[in-house]
Amino acid sequence: MALLSFGLDYGIHTLQHSRDALLHALDRWKDAQFAAWTLFAVVLVAAAAVYCRWFGPQAIGSGIPEMKTSIRGVMLKEYLTFRTFFAKVIGLTLSLGSGAPIGKEGKGSKR
């Protein structure tokens, strides 16, 4: 799990660093920066959605309701497979690497 977590963090960091480098390269053109910033996020999130839909349709969603159902004794077809696992890992890396406010960042802060 530690190696998996490290790999996810490294992939997310690499994607976010790539976005920052792209924006820095377009420093003179503000319109191009905005277009690149928007397209980078849209392309990565779309790639994550298409990959999950094509490679592991059971990976779509948070997984919490599915795990609750599985713990209660209902076996979901193809939910706990390596195919779904890899689809979750790739989809999560692409989605978080896009810079979209999802996951822990997307929840409203309760102060």
PDB file of N, CA and C in Angstrom:
ATOM      1  N   MET A   1       0.816  -1.182   0.000  1.00  0.00           N
ATOM      2  CA  MET A   1       0.000   0.000   0.000  1.00  0.00           C
ATOM      3  C   MET A   1       0.865   1.253   0.000  1.00  0.00           C
ATOM      4  N   ALA A   2       1.970   1.204   0.708  1.00  0.00           N
ATOM      5  CA  ALA A   2       2.840   2.378   0.733  1.00  0.00           C
ATOM      6  C   ALA A   2       3.413   2.654  -0.660  1.00  0.00           C
ATOM      7  N   LEU A   3       3.803   1.599  -1.368  1.00  0.00           N
ATOM      8  CA  LEU A   3       4.326   1.786  -2.718  1.00  0.00           C
ATOM      9  C   LEU A   3       3.242   2.301  -3.655  1.00  0.00           C
ATOM     10  N   LEU A   4       2.041   1.806  -3.497  1.00  0.00           N
ATOM     11  CA  LEU A   4       0.926   2.289  -4.310  1.00  0.00           C
ATOM     12  C   LEU A   4       0.640   3.762  -4.021  1.00  0.00           C
ATOM     13  N   SER A   5       0.623   4.109  -2.755  1.00  0.00           N
ATOM     14  CA  SER A   5       0.393   5.503  -2.371  1.00  0.00           C
ATOM     15  C   SER A   5       1.503   6.404  -2.913  1.00  0.00           C
ATOM     16  N   PHE A   6       2.739   5.931  -2.827  1.00  0.00           N
ATOM     17  CA  PHE A   6       3.854   6.709  -3.365  1.00  0.00           C
ATOM     18  C   PHE A   6       3.713   6.886  -4.867  1.00  0.00           C
ATOM     19  N   GLY A   7       3.354   5.807  -5.568  1.00  0.00           N
ATOM     20  CA  GLY A   7       3.175   5.883  -7.014  1.00  0.00           C
ATOM     21  C   GLY A   7       2.071   6.853  -7.409  1.00  0.00           C
ATOM     22  N   LEU A   8       0.942   6.810  -6.682  1.00  0.00           N
ATOM     23  CA  LEU A   8      -0.152   7.747  -6.949  1.00  0.00           C
ATOM     24  C   LEU A   8       0.302   9.186  -6.725  1.00  0.00           C
ATOM     25  N   ASP A   9       0.933   9.431  -5.592  1.00  0.00           N
ATOM     26  CA  ASP A   9       1.404  10.790  -5.291  1.00  0.00           C
ATOM     27  C   ASP A   9       2.417  11.271  -6.316  1.00  0.00           C
ATOM     28  N   TYR A  10       3.309  10.377  -6.731  1.00  0.00           N
ATOM     29  CA  TYR A  10       4.315  10.752  -7.720  1.00  0.00           C
ATOM     30  C   TYR A  10       3.662  11.086  -9.070  1.00  0.00           C
ATOM     31  N   GLY A  11       2.708  10.275  -9.486  1.00  0.00           N
ATOM     32  CA  GLY A  11       2.006  10.532 -10.747  1.00  0.00           C
ATOM     33  C   GLY A  11       1.223  11.833 -10.708  1.00  0.00           C
ATOM     34  N   ILE A  12       0.538  12.087  -9.594  1.00  0.00           N
ATOM     35  CA  ILE A  12      -0.230  13.322  -9.435  1.00  0.00           C
ATOM     36  C   ILE A  12       0.706  14.524  -9.446  1.00  0.00           C
ATOM     37  N   HIS A  13       1.804  14.421  -8.711  1.00  0.00           N
ATOM     38  CA  HIS A  13       2.777  15.518  -8.658  1.00  0.00           C
ATOM     39  C   HIS A  13       3.371  15.784 -10.043  1.00  0.00           C
ATOM     40  N   THR A  14       3.682  14.729 -10.779  1.00  0.00           N
ATOM     41  CA  THR A  14       4.258  14.883 -12.117  1.00  0.00           C
ATOM     42  C   THR A  14       3.281  15.587 -13.059  1.00  0.00           C
ATOM     43  N   LEU A  15       2.012  15.197 -13.008  1.00  0.00           N
ATOM     44  CA  LEU A  15       1.016  15.838 -13.867  1.00  0.00           C
ATOM     45  C   LEU A  15       0.828  17.306 -13.492  1.00  0.00           C
ATOM     46  N   GLN A  16       0.777  17.596 -12.211  1.00  0.00           N
ATOM     47  CA  GLN A  16       0.608  18.985 -11.787  1.00  0.00           C
ATOM     48  C   GLN A  16       1.845  19.816 -12.120  1.00  0.00           C
ATOM     49  N   HIS A  17       3.020  19.226 -12.004  1.00  0.00           N
ATOM     50  CA  HIS A  17       4.256  19.928 -12.368  1.00  0.00           C
ATOM     51  C   HIS A  17       4.286  20.192 -13.883  1.00  0.00           C
ATOM     52  N   SER A  18       3.789  19.237 -14.670  1.00  0.00           N
ATOM     53  CA  SER A  18       3.725  19.425 -16.121  1.00  0.00           C
ATOM     54  C   SER A  18       2.802  20.585 -16.475  1.00  0.00           C
ATOM     55  N   ARG A  19       1.683  20.676 -15.778  1.00  0.00           N
ATOM     56  CA  ARG A  19       0.756  21.790 -16.021  1.00  0.00           C
ATOM     57  C   ARG A  19       1.428  23.120 -15.677  1.00  0.00           C
ATOM     58  N   ASP A  20       2.112  23.166 -14.550  1.00  0.00           N
ATOM     59  CA  ASP A  20       2.795  24.401 -14.147  1.00  0.00           C
ATOM     60  C   ASP A  20       3.890  24.788 -15.148  1.00  0.00           C
ATOM     61  N   ALA A  21       4.628  23.795 -15.649  1.00  0.00           N
ATOM     62  CA  ALA A  21       5.680  24.071 -16.631  1.00  0.00           C
ATOM     63  C   ALA A  21       5.081  24.597 -17.930  1.00  0.00           C
ATOM     64  N   LEU A  22       3.937  24.014 -18.333  1.00  0.00           N
ATOM     65  CA  LEU A  22       3.264  24.489 -19.533  1.00  0.00           C
ATOM     66  C   LEU A  22       2.804  25.931 -19.370  1.00  0.00           C
ATOM     67  N   LEU A  23       2.228  26.246 -18.226  1.00  0.00           N
ATOM     68  CA  LEU A  23       1.765  27.614 -17.976  1.00  0.00           C
ATOM     69  C   LEU A  23       2.935  28.590 -17.913  1.00  0.00           C
ATOM     70  N   HIS A  24       4.052  28.138 -17.343  1.00  0.00           N
ATOM     71  CA  HIS A  24       5.230  28.996 -17.276  1.00  0.00           C
ATOM     72  C   HIS A  24       5.796  29.252 -18.682  1.00  0.00           C
ATOM     73  N   ALA A  25       5.727  28.240 -19.551  1.00  0.00           N
ATOM     74  CA  ALA A  25       6.225  28.407 -20.921  1.00  0.00           C
ATOM     75  C   ALA A  25       5.368  29.397 -21.703  1.00  0.00           C
ATOM     76  N   LEU A  26       4.103  29.497 -21.343  1.00  0.00           N
ATOM     77  CA  LEU A  26       3.186  30.421 -22.023  1.00  0.00           C
ATOM     78  C   LEU A  26       3.016  31.717 -21.239  1.00  0.00           C
ATOM     79  N   ASP A  27       4.037  32.110 -20.513  1.00  0.00           N
ATOM     80  CA  ASP A  27       3.947  33.245 -19.601  1.00  0.00           C
ATOM     81  C   ASP A  27       3.589  34.555 -20.299  1.00  0.00           C
ATOM     82  N   ARG A  28       4.003  34.725 -21.527  1.00  0.00           N
ATOM     83  CA  ARG A  28       3.759  35.990 -22.234  1.00  0.00           C
ATOM     84  C   ARG A  28       2.337  36.117 -22.779  1.00  0.00           C
ATOM     85  N   TRP A  29       1.688  34.999 -23.013  1.00  0.00           N
ATOM     86  CA  TRP A  29       0.370  34.998 -23.638  1.00  0.00           C
ATOM     87  C   TRP A  29      -0.685  34.549 -22.628  1.00  0.00           C
ATOM     88  N   LYS A  30      -1.388  35.507 -22.060  1.00  0.00           N
ATOM     89  CA  LYS A  30      -2.376  35.202 -21.019  1.00  0.00           C
ATOM     90  C   LYS A  30      -3.558  34.403 -21.557  1.00  0.00           C
ATOM     91  N   ASP A  31      -3.993  34.698 -22.770  1.00  0.00           N
ATOM     92  CA  ASP A  31      -5.101  33.946 -23.356  1.00  0.00           C
ATOM     93  C   ASP A  31      -4.710  32.495 -23.589  1.00  0.00           C
ATOM     94  N   ALA A  32      -3.489  32.284 -24.059  1.00  0.00           N
ATOM     95  CA  ALA A  32      -3.004  30.921 -24.284  1.00  0.00           C
ATOM     96  C   ALA A  32      -2.844  30.189 -22.953  1.00  0.00           C
ATOM     97  N   GLN A  33      -2.439  30.914 -21.913  1.00  0.00           N
ATOM     98  CA  GLN A  33      -2.338  30.306 -20.584  1.00  0.00           C
ATOM     99  C   GLN A  33      -3.693  29.816 -20.108  1.00  0.00           C
ATOM    100  N   PHE A  34      -4.705  30.662 -20.267  1.00  0.00           N
ATOM    101  CA  PHE A  34      -6.044  30.283 -19.840  1.00  0.00           C
ATOM    102  C   PHE A  34      -6.546  29.069 -20.624  1.00  0.00           C
ATOM    103  N   ALA A  35      -6.321  29.080 -21.932  1.00  0.00           N
ATOM    104  CA  ALA A  35      -6.751  27.954 -22.770  1.00  0.00           C
ATOM    105  C   ALA A  35      -6.015  26.670 -22.378  1.00  0.00           C
ATOM    106  N   ALA A  36      -4.712  26.773 -22.142  1.00  0.00           N
ATOM    107  CA  ALA A  36      -3.925  25.597 -21.752  1.00  0.00           C
ATOM    108  C   ALA A  36      -4.351  25.083 -20.388  1.00  0.00           C
ATOM    109  N   TRP A  37      -4.585  25.989 -19.448  1.00  0.00           N
ATOM    110  CA  TRP A  37      -5.012  25.597 -18.100  1.00  0.00           C
ATOM    111  C   TRP A  37      -6.343  24.866 -18.152  1.00  0.00           C
ATOM    112  N   THR A  38      -7.271  25.402 -18.940  1.00  0.00           N
ATOM    113  CA  THR A  38      -8.595  24.790 -19.056  1.00  0.00           C
ATOM    114  C   THR A  38      -8.522  23.456 -19.799  1.00  0.00           C
ATOM    115  N   LEU A  39      -7.839  23.450 -20.937  1.00  0.00           N
ATOM    116  CA  LEU A  39      -7.753  22.224 -21.726  1.00  0.00           C
ATOM    117  C   LEU A  39      -7.013  21.108 -21.003  1.00  0.00           C
ATOM    118  N   PHE A  40      -5.987  21.459 -20.242  1.00  0.00           N
ATOM    119  CA  PHE A  40      -5.231  20.450 -19.498  1.00  0.00           C
ATOM    120  C   PHE A  40      -6.162  19.711 -18.541  1.00  0.00           C
ATOM    121  N   ALA A  41      -6.954  20.461 -17.788  1.00  0.00           N
ATOM    122  CA  ALA A  41      -7.868  19.843 -16.840  1.00  0.00           C
ATOM    123  C   ALA A  41      -8.946  19.033 -17.551  1.00  0.00           C
ATOM    124  N   VAL A  42      -9.518  19.592 -18.602  1.00  0.00           N
ATOM    125  CA  VAL A  42     -10.599  18.905 -19.319  1.00  0.00           C
ATOM    126  C   VAL A  42     -10.096  17.616 -19.956  1.00  0.00           C
ATOM    127  N   VAL A  43      -8.926  17.664 -20.571  1.00  0.00           N
ATOM    128  CA  VAL A  43      -8.383  16.480 -21.237  1.00  0.00           C
ATOM    129  C   VAL A  43      -8.081  15.382 -20.222  1.00  0.00           C
ATOM    130  N   LEU A  44      -7.480  15.727 -19.088  1.00  0.00           N
ATOM    131  CA  LEU A  44      -7.149  14.698 -18.100  1.00  0.00           C
ATOM    132  C   LEU A  44      -8.393  14.096 -17.458  1.00  0.00           C
ATOM    133  N   VAL A  45      -9.372  14.918 -17.132  1.00  0.00           N
ATOM    134  CA  VAL A  45     -10.600  14.389 -16.536  1.00  0.00           C
ATOM    135  C   VAL A  45     -11.363  13.541 -17.559  1.00  0.00           C
ATOM    136  N   ALA A  46     -11.410  13.994 -18.804  1.00  0.00           N
ATOM    137  CA  ALA A  46     -12.075  13.204 -19.847  1.00  0.00           C
ATOM    138  C   ALA A  46     -11.344  11.883 -20.076  1.00  0.00           C
ATOM    139  N   ALA A  47     -10.014  11.908 -20.060  1.00  0.00           N
ATOM    140  CA  ALA A  47      -9.241  10.678 -20.224  1.00  0.00           C
ATOM    141  C   ALA A  47      -9.505   9.710 -19.080  1.00  0.00           C
ATOM    142  N   ALA A  48      -9.612  10.236 -17.861  1.00  0.00           N
ATOM    143  CA  ALA A  48      -9.917   9.384 -16.709  1.00  0.00           C
ATOM    144  C   ALA A  48     -11.299   8.750 -16.849  1.00  0.00           C
ATOM    145  N   ALA A  49     -12.277   9.550 -17.273  1.00  0.00           N
ATOM    146  CA  ALA A  49     -13.644   9.032 -17.420  1.00  0.00           C
ATOM    147  C   ALA A  49     -13.718   7.981 -18.523  1.00  0.00           C
ATOM    148  N   VAL A  50     -13.085   8.262 -19.661  1.00  0.00           N
ATOM    149  CA  VAL A  50     -13.113   7.307 -20.777  1.00  0.00           C
ATOM    150  C   VAL A  50     -12.373   6.024 -20.395  1.00  0.00           C
ATOM    151  N   TYR A  51     -11.233   6.160 -19.739  1.00  0.00           N
ATOM    152  CA  TYR A  51     -10.458   4.986 -19.339  1.00  0.00           C
ATOM    153  C   TYR A  51     -11.250   4.112 -18.374  1.00  0.00           C
ATOM    154  N   CYS A  52     -11.848   4.739 -17.380  1.00  0.00           N
ATOM    155  CA  CYS A  52     -12.633   3.961 -16.412  1.00  0.00           C
ATOM    156  C   CYS A  52     -13.845   3.322 -17.075  1.00  0.00           C
ATOM    157  N   ARG A  53     -14.489   4.048 -17.944  1.00  0.00           N
ATOM    158  CA  ARG A  53     -15.680   3.510 -18.615  1.00  0.00           C
ATOM    159  C   ARG A  53     -15.315   2.348 -19.533  1.00  0.00           C
ATOM    160  N   TRP A  54     -14.167   2.454 -20.210  1.00  0.00           N
ATOM    161  CA  TRP A  54     -13.763   1.419 -21.151  1.00  0.00           C
ATOM    162  C   TRP A  54     -13.090   0.239 -20.453  1.00  0.00           C
ATOM    163  N   PHE A  55     -12.166   0.525 -19.548  1.00  0.00           N
ATOM    164  CA  PHE A  55     -11.342  -0.530 -18.960  1.00  0.00           C
ATOM    165  C   PHE A  55     -12.009  -1.195 -17.764  1.00  0.00           C
ATOM    166  N   GLY A  56     -12.645  -0.424 -16.894  1.00  0.00           N
ATOM    167  CA  GLY A  56     -13.259  -0.995 -15.705  1.00  0.00           C
ATOM    168  C   GLY A  56     -14.491  -0.238 -15.292  1.00  0.00           C
ATOM    169  N   PRO A  57     -15.645  -0.531 -15.887  1.00  0.00           N
ATOM    170  CA  PRO A  57     -16.856   0.237 -15.591  1.00  0.00           C
ATOM    171  C   PRO A  57     -17.265   0.185 -14.119  1.00  0.00           C
ATOM    172  N   GLN A  58     -16.835  -0.842 -13.406  1.00  0.00           N
ATOM    173  CA  GLN A  58     -17.162  -0.929 -11.980  1.00  0.00           C
ATOM    174  C   GLN A  58     -16.379   0.096 -11.155  1.00  0.00           C
ATOM    175  N   ALA A  59     -15.355   0.723 -11.740  1.00  0.00           N
ATOM    176  CA  ALA A  59     -14.518   1.681 -11.018  1.00  0.00           C
ATOM    177  C   ALA A  59     -15.134   3.072 -10.951  1.00  0.00           C
ATOM    178  N   ILE A  60     -16.208   3.294 -11.689  1.00  0.00           N
ATOM    179  CA  ILE A  60     -16.823   4.618 -11.713  1.00  0.00           C
ATOM    180  C   ILE A  60     -17.508   4.878 -10.378  1.00  0.00           C
ATOM    181  N   GLY A  61     -17.300   6.052  -9.839  1.00  0.00           N
ATOM    182  CA  GLY A  61     -17.914   6.426  -8.560  1.00  0.00           C
ATOM    183  C   GLY A  61     -16.931   6.340  -7.410  1.00  0.00           C
ATOM    184  N   SER A  62     -17.413   6.666  -6.228  1.00  0.00           N
ATOM    185  CA  SER A  62     -16.538   6.700  -5.061  1.00  0.00           C
ATOM    186  C   SER A  62     -16.199   5.312  -4.546  1.00  0.00           C
ATOM    187  N   GLY A  63     -17.122   4.381  -4.667  1.00  0.00           N
ATOM    188  CA  GLY A  63     -16.880   3.025  -4.192  1.00  0.00           C
ATOM    189  C   GLY A  63     -17.394   2.756  -2.806  1.00  0.00           C
ATOM    190  N   ILE A  64     -17.768   3.786  -2.078  1.00  0.00           N
ATOM    191  CA  ILE A  64     -18.237   3.589  -0.702  1.00  0.00           C
ATOM    192  C   ILE A  64     -19.563   2.828  -0.666  1.00  0.00           C
ATOM    193  N   PRO A  65     -20.580   3.185  -1.470  1.00  0.00           N
ATOM    194  CA  PRO A  65     -21.809   2.389  -1.447  1.00  0.00           C
ATOM    195  C   PRO A  65     -21.582   0.938  -1.885  1.00  0.00           C
ATOM    196  N   GLU A  66     -20.685   0.745  -2.857  1.00  0.00           N
ATOM    197  CA  GLU A  66     -20.402  -0.608  -3.314  1.00  0.00           C
ATOM    198  C   GLU A  66     -19.736  -1.431  -2.212  1.00  0.00           C
ATOM    199  N   MET A  67     -18.817  -0.820  -1.469  1.00  0.00           N
ATOM    200  CA  MET A  67     -18.156  -1.538  -0.374  1.00  0.00           C
ATOM    201  C   MET A  67     -19.139  -1.853   0.745  1.00  0.00           C
ATOM    202  N   LYS A  68     -20.036  -0.931   1.056  1.00  0.00           N
ATOM    203  CA  LYS A  68     -21.060  -1.197   2.064  1.00  0.00           C
ATOM    204  C   LYS A  68     -21.927  -2.378   1.645  1.00  0.00           C
ATOM    205  N   THR A  69     -22.298  -2.406   0.375  1.00  0.00           N
ATOM    206  CA  THR A  69     -23.108  -3.501  -0.148  1.00  0.00           C
ATOM    207  C   THR A  69     -22.343  -4.809  -0.073  1.00  0.00           C
ATOM    208  N   SER A  70     -21.069  -4.787  -0.429  1.00  0.00           N
ATOM    209  CA  SER A  70     -20.245  -5.980  -0.411  1.00  0.00           C
ATOM    210  C   SER A  70     -20.044  -6.494   1.012  1.00  0.00           C
ATOM    211  N   ILE A  71     -19.859  -5.598   1.964  1.00  0.00           N
ATOM    212  CA  ILE A  71     -19.672  -5.988   3.361  1.00  0.00           C
ATOM    213  C   ILE A  71     -20.936  -6.629   3.926  1.00  0.00           C
ATOM    214  N   ARG A  72     -22.082  -6.190   3.444  1.00  0.00           N
ATOM    215  CA  ARG A  72     -23.357  -6.755   3.906  1.00  0.00           C
ATOM    216  C   ARG A  72     -23.659  -8.115   3.293  1.00  0.00           C
ATOM    217  N   GLY A  73     -22.786  -8.591   2.411  1.00  0.00           N
ATOM    218  CA  GLY A  73     -22.940  -9.942   1.904  1.00  0.00           C
ATOM    219  C   GLY A  73     -23.419 -10.070   0.481  1.00  0.00           C
ATOM    220  N   VAL A  74     -23.702  -8.986  -0.179  1.00  0.00           N
ATOM    221  CA  VAL A  74     -24.122  -9.038  -1.575  1.00  0.00           C
ATOM    222  C   VAL A  74     -22.876  -8.971  -2.447  1.00  0.00           C
ATOM    223  N   MET A  75     -22.673  -9.984  -3.270  1.00  0.00           N
ATOM    224  CA  MET A  75     -21.495 -10.006  -4.132  1.00  0.00           C
ATOM    225  C   MET A  75     -21.782  -9.259  -5.428  1.00  0.00           C
ATOM    226  N   LEU A  76     -21.045  -8.224  -5.665  1.00  0.00           N
ATOM    227  CA  LEU A  76     -21.175  -7.451  -6.898  1.00  0.00           C
ATOM    228  C   LEU A  76     -20.264  -8.064  -7.954  1.00  0.00           C
ATOM    229  N   LYS A  77     -20.793  -8.223  -9.149  1.00  0.00           N
ATOM    230  CA  LYS A  77     -20.029  -8.851 -10.219  1.00  0.00           C
ATOM    231  C   LYS A  77     -18.870  -7.957 -10.656  1.00  0.00           C
ATOM    232  N   GLU A  78     -17.686  -8.516 -10.673  1.00  0.00           N
ATOM    233  CA  GLU A  78     -16.462  -7.859 -11.134  1.00  0.00           C
ATOM    234  C   GLU A  78     -16.113  -6.581 -10.381  1.00  0.00           C
ATOM    235  N   TYR A  79     -16.517  -6.464  -9.127  1.00  0.00           N
ATOM    236  CA  TYR A  79     -16.174  -5.247  -8.382  1.00  0.00           C
ATOM    237  C   TYR A  79     -14.796  -5.358  -7.746  1.00  0.00           C
ATOM    238  N   LEU A  80     -14.486  -6.464  -7.137  1.00  0.00           N
ATOM    239  CA  LEU A  80     -13.196  -6.635  -6.468  1.00  0.00           C
ATOM    240  C   LEU A  80     -12.237  -7.418  -7.369  1.00  0.00           C
ATOM    241  N   THR A  81     -11.889  -6.831  -8.497  1.00  0.00           N
ATOM    242  CA  THR A  81     -10.959  -7.459  -9.433  1.00  0.00           C
ATOM    243  C   THR A  81      -9.768  -6.538  -9.661  1.00  0.00           C
ATOM    244  N   PHE A  82      -8.692  -7.117 -10.185  1.00  0.00           N
ATOM    245  CA  PHE A  82      -7.517  -6.302 -10.503  1.00  0.00           C
ATOM    246  C   PHE A  82      -7.820  -5.296 -11.606  1.00  0.00           C
ATOM    247  N   ARG A  83      -8.704  -5.668 -12.502  1.00  0.00           N
ATOM    248  CA  ARG A  83      -9.073  -4.760 -13.588  1.00  0.00           C
ATOM    249  C   ARG A  83      -9.722  -3.489 -13.036  1.00  0.00           C
ATOM    250  N   THR A  84     -10.644  -3.659 -12.097  1.00  0.00           N
ATOM    251  CA  THR A  84     -11.299  -2.515 -11.461  1.00  0.00           C
ATOM    252  C   THR A  84     -10.292  -1.722 -10.632  1.00  0.00           C
ATOM    253  N   PHE A  85      -9.414  -2.430  -9.945  1.00  0.00           N
ATOM    254  CA  PHE A  85      -8.387  -1.777  -9.128  1.00  0.00           C
ATOM    255  C   PHE A  85      -7.494  -0.869  -9.974  1.00  0.00           C
ATOM    256  N   PHE A  86      -7.013  -1.387 -11.101  1.00  0.00           N
ATOM    257  CA  PHE A  86      -6.145  -0.576 -11.955  1.00  0.00           C
ATOM    258  C   PHE A  86      -6.904   0.584 -12.596  1.00  0.00           C
ATOM    259  N   ALA A  87      -8.165   0.360 -12.913  1.00  0.00           N
ATOM    260  CA  ALA A  87      -8.974   1.453 -13.461  1.00  0.00           C
ATOM    261  C   ALA A  87      -9.145   2.555 -12.411  1.00  0.00           C
ATOM    262  N   LYS A  88      -9.347   2.169 -11.151  1.00  0.00           N
ATOM    263  CA  LYS A  88      -9.469   3.159 -10.068  1.00  0.00           C
ATOM    264  C   LYS A  88      -8.165   3.938  -9.908  1.00  0.00           C
ATOM    265  N   VAL A  89      -7.047   3.240  -9.923  1.00  0.00           N
ATOM    266  CA  VAL A  89      -5.743   3.882  -9.711  1.00  0.00           C
ATOM    267  C   VAL A  89      -5.439   4.871 -10.845  1.00  0.00           C
ATOM    268  N   ILE A  90      -5.610   4.438 -12.082  1.00  0.00           N
ATOM    269  CA  ILE A  90      -5.325   5.315 -13.229  1.00  0.00           C
ATOM    270  C   ILE A  90      -6.305   6.485 -13.253  1.00  0.00           C
ATOM    271  N   GLY A  91      -7.586   6.210 -13.045  1.00  0.00           N
ATOM    272  CA  GLY A  91      -8.594   7.269 -13.048  1.00  0.00           C
ATOM    273  C   GLY A  91      -8.360   8.287 -11.950  1.00  0.00           C
ATOM    274  N   LEU A  92      -7.984   7.811 -10.766  1.00  0.00           N
ATOM    275  CA  LEU A  92      -7.711   8.718  -9.658  1.00  0.00           C
ATOM    276  C   LEU A  92      -6.481   9.572  -9.929  1.00  0.00           C
ATOM    277  N   THR A  93      -5.444   8.964 -10.470  1.00  0.00           N
ATOM    278  CA  THR A  93      -4.229   9.716 -10.778  1.00  0.00           C
ATOM    279  C   THR A  93      -4.498  10.807 -11.816  1.00  0.00           C
ATOM    280  N   LEU A  94      -5.206  10.450 -12.871  1.00  0.00           N
ATOM    281  CA  LEU A  94      -5.504  11.446 -13.909  1.00  0.00           C
ATOM    282  C   LEU A  94      -6.419  12.548 -13.387  1.00  0.00           C
ATOM    283  N   SER A  95      -7.429  12.176 -12.622  1.00  0.00           N
ATOM    284  CA  SER A  95      -8.379  13.172 -12.115  1.00  0.00           C
ATOM    285  C   SER A  95      -7.722  14.140 -11.138  1.00  0.00           C
ATOM    286  N   LEU A  96      -6.969  13.619 -10.187  1.00  0.00           N
ATOM    287  CA  LEU A  96      -6.314  14.498  -9.222  1.00  0.00           C
ATOM    288  C   LEU A  96      -5.159  15.271  -9.855  1.00  0.00           C
ATOM    289  N   GLY A  97      -4.503  14.674 -10.847  1.00  0.00           N
ATOM    290  CA  GLY A  97      -3.418  15.357 -11.538  1.00  0.00           C
ATOM    291  C   GLY A  97      -3.902  16.522 -12.386  1.00  0.00           C
ATOM    292  N   SER A  98      -5.182  16.534 -12.710  1.00  0.00           N
ATOM    293  CA  SER A  98      -5.726  17.625 -13.516  1.00  0.00           C
ATOM    294  C   SER A  98      -5.859  18.921 -12.719  1.00  0.00           C
ATOM    295  N   GLY A  99      -5.837  18.808 -11.415  1.00  0.00           N
ATOM    296  CA  GLY A  99      -5.996  19.991 -10.579  1.00  0.00           C
ATOM    297  C   GLY A  99      -7.440  20.294 -10.238  1.00  0.00           C
ATOM    298  N   ALA A 100      -8.345  19.401 -10.613  1.00  0.00           N
ATOM    299  CA  ALA A 100      -9.762  19.608 -10.307  1.00  0.00           C
ATOM    300  C   ALA A 100      -9.990  19.492  -8.795  1.00  0.00           C
ATOM    301  N   PRO A 101     -10.875  20.311  -8.253  1.00  0.00           N
ATOM    302  CA  PRO A 101     -11.135  20.251  -6.801  1.00  0.00           C
ATOM    303  C   PRO A 101     -12.051  19.072  -6.460  1.00  0.00           C
ATOM    304  N   ILE A 102     -11.483  17.885  -6.448  1.00  0.00           N
ATOM    305  CA  ILE A 102     -12.238  16.683  -6.109  1.00  0.00           C
ATOM    306  C   ILE A 102     -11.534  15.959  -4.978  1.00  0.00           C
ATOM    307  N   GLY A 103     -12.183  14.967  -4.428  1.00  0.00           N
ATOM    308  CA  GLY A 103     -11.600  14.238  -3.314  1.00  0.00           C
ATOM    309  C   GLY A 103     -11.698  15.069  -2.048  1.00  0.00           C
ATOM    310  N   LYS A 104     -10.649  15.056  -1.261  1.00  0.00           N
ATOM    311  CA  LYS A 104     -10.638  15.814  -0.008  1.00  0.00           C
ATOM    312  C   LYS A 104     -10.770  17.309  -0.256  1.00  0.00           C
ATOM    313  N   GLU A 105     -10.215  17.775  -1.375  1.00  0.00           N
ATOM    314  CA  GLU A 105     -10.257  19.204  -1.680  1.00  0.00           C
ATOM    315  C   GLU A 105     -11.657  19.669  -2.065  1.00  0.00           C
ATOM    316  N   GLY A 106     -12.485  18.774  -2.579  1.00  0.00           N
ATOM    317  CA  GLY A 106     -13.793  19.159  -3.086  1.00  0.00           C
ATOM    318  C   GLY A 106     -14.869  19.274  -2.031  1.00  0.00           C
ATOM    319  N   LYS A 107     -14.621  18.729  -0.851  1.00  0.00           N
ATOM    320  CA  LYS A 107     -15.627  18.788   0.191  1.00  0.00           C
ATOM    321  C   LYS A 107     -15.603  20.163   0.837  1.00  0.00           C
ATOM    322  N   GLY A 108     -16.768  20.646   1.164  1.00  0.00           N
ATOM    323  CA  GLY A 108     -16.857  21.956   1.812  1.00  0.00           C
ATOM    324  C   GLY A 108     -16.222  21.933   3.181  1.00  0.00           C
ATOM    325  N   SER A 109     -15.476  22.949   3.487  1.00  0.00           N
ATOM    326  CA  SER A 109     -14.838  22.997   4.803  1.00  0.00           C
ATOM    327  C   SER A 109     -15.847  23.428   5.844  1.00  0.00           C
ATOM    328  N   LYS A 110     -15.823  22.731   6.964  1.00  0.00           N
ATOM    329  CA  LYS A 110     -16.760  23.038   8.047  1.00  0.00           C
ATOM    330  C   LYS A 110     -15.953  23.650   9.187  1.00  0.00           C
ATOM    331  N   ARG A 111     -15.961  24.946   9.224  1.00  0.00           N
ATOM    332  CA  ARG A 111     -15.167  25.647  10.236  1.00  0.00           C
ATOM    333  C   ARG A 111     -16.028  26.092  11.365  1.00  0.00           C
TER     334      ARG A 111
END
